[in-house]
Amino acid sequence: MSNFYKRHIFFCNNIRNDGKQCCSQNGAKEMYRYAKDKCRANGSLGAGRLGVSESRCLGRCENGPVAVVYPDNVWYQYIDEEDIDEIFESHMEGDEIVNRLLIK
């Protein structure tokens, strides 16, 4: 069975009301929208191509904001649009992991 997407990235957009750190406090929703809109605009979304989704808690809040790329099981911490661009250009489309943003 083949994967529906070549790669699928999930952006944690968890919201915590207890004061503990969560990805939503660090611009995760905006970066998810940025990535989704960019992929939609350049036609890279869909079957056999890329998937961009948001998620609730991915359990790595201390590293937030975080995203995970499947099927590679690669976890990233990002800050801004430049980081998102690098993840997409290098890893999602180019098969090269962005080591400087990796969560070990």
Protein backbone atom coordinates (compact mmCIF):
# COMPACT_ATOMS: atom_id res chain seq x y z
CA MET A 1 0.00 0.00 0.00
CA SER A 2 1.40 3.39 -0.92
CA ASN A 3 1.02 6.59 1.03
CA PHE A 4 -1.66 9.04 -0.04
CA TYR A 5 0.82 11.91 0.31
CA LYS A 6 4.50 11.97 -0.58
CA ARG A 7 4.95 13.75 2.76
CA HIS A 8 2.47 15.05 5.30
CA ILE A 9 3.36 17.71 7.86
CA PHE A 10 1.35 18.22 11.02
CA PHE A 11 1.57 21.51 12.90
CA CYS A 12 0.74 21.30 16.60
CA ASN A 13 -1.82 24.00 17.39
CA ASN A 14 -2.64 22.91 20.90
CA ILE A 15 -4.13 25.50 23.26
CA ARG A 16 -3.60 25.06 26.99
CA ASN A 17 -5.61 27.03 29.49
CA ASP A 18 -3.53 26.03 32.51
CA GLY A 19 -0.65 28.42 31.84
CA LYS A 20 1.75 25.71 30.64
CA GLN A 21 3.63 26.26 27.39
CA CYS A 22 1.81 25.29 24.21
CA CYS A 23 2.52 25.71 20.53
CA SER A 24 -0.37 28.11 19.99
CA GLN A 25 1.38 30.65 22.22
CA ASN A 26 4.25 30.78 19.72
CA GLY A 27 2.50 31.52 16.44
CA ALA A 28 1.76 27.93 15.42
CA LYS A 29 -1.64 28.74 13.91
CA GLU A 30 -0.18 31.53 11.76
CA MET A 31 2.67 29.31 10.53
CA TYR A 32 0.24 26.50 9.71
CA ARG A 33 -1.90 28.94 7.69
CA TYR A 34 1.21 30.33 5.98
CA ALA A 35 2.35 26.83 4.95
CA LYS A 36 -1.11 25.70 3.81
CA ASP A 37 -1.74 28.88 1.80
CA LYS A 38 1.70 28.72 0.18
CA CYS A 39 1.22 25.08 -0.87
CA ARG A 40 -2.27 25.79 -2.13
CA ALA A 41 -0.94 28.70 -4.20
CA ASN A 42 1.88 26.69 -5.78
CA GLY A 43 -0.26 23.59 -6.43
CA SER A 44 1.78 21.21 -4.26
CA LEU A 45 -1.15 19.94 -2.12
CA GLY A 46 -3.01 16.71 -2.76
CA ALA A 47 -2.74 13.04 -3.54
CA GLY A 48 0.79 11.99 -4.43
CA ARG A 49 2.12 15.38 -3.37
CA LEU A 50 2.08 17.13 0.01
CA GLY A 51 -0.33 17.27 2.92
CA VAL A 52 -0.44 20.13 5.43
CA SER A 53 -2.59 19.65 8.53
CA GLU A 54 -3.00 21.07 12.00
CA SER A 55 -3.15 18.91 15.07
CA ARG A 56 -3.90 19.15 18.75
CA CYS A 57 -1.19 18.27 21.23
CA LEU A 58 1.68 16.27 19.78
CA GLY A 59 3.30 15.88 23.20
CA ARG A 60 6.45 17.93 22.57
CA CYS A 61 5.27 21.25 23.98
CA GLU A 62 8.59 21.99 25.68
CA ASN A 63 10.10 22.32 22.18
CA GLY A 64 7.23 24.37 20.74
CA PRO A 65 6.21 25.36 18.29
CA VAL A 66 6.63 21.95 16.68
CA ALA A 67 5.74 20.14 13.49
CA VAL A 68 6.24 16.51 12.47
CA VAL A 69 6.73 15.18 8.93
CA TYR A 70 5.41 11.74 7.99
CA PRO A 71 6.18 9.14 6.79
CA ASP A 72 9.72 10.21 7.78
CA ASN A 73 8.88 10.73 11.49
CA VAL A 74 11.04 13.87 11.57
CA TRP A 75 10.28 16.49 14.22
CA TYR A 76 10.99 20.19 13.77
CA GLN A 77 10.96 23.29 15.92
CA TYR A 78 10.47 26.46 13.93
CA ILE A 79 10.29 30.19 14.59
CA ASP A 80 9.15 32.04 11.48
CA GLU A 81 8.22 31.92 7.79
CA GLU A 82 11.86 31.51 6.76
CA ASP A 83 12.06 28.31 8.81
CA ILE A 84 8.83 27.03 7.25
CA ASP A 85 10.14 27.85 3.76
CA GLU A 86 13.34 25.93 4.49
CA ILE A 87 11.45 22.88 5.80
CA PHE A 88 9.28 22.82 2.69
CA GLU A 89 11.99 23.50 0.12
CA SER A 90 14.64 21.23 1.66
CA HIS A 91 12.67 18.38 3.22
CA MET A 92 9.08 18.25 2.01
CA GLU A 93 10.00 18.78 -1.64
CA GLY A 94 13.74 18.07 -1.74
CA ASP A 95 14.26 15.01 0.48
CA GLU A 96 16.86 16.75 2.66
CA ILE A 97 16.31 17.06 6.43
CA VAL A 98 16.86 20.53 7.91
CA ASN A 99 19.31 19.62 10.68
CA ARG A 100 19.35 23.03 12.34
CA LEU A 101 15.60 22.80 13.11
CA LEU A 102 15.53 19.12 14.17
CA ILE A 103 14.22 18.06 17.54
CA LYS A 104 16.26 15.08 18.65
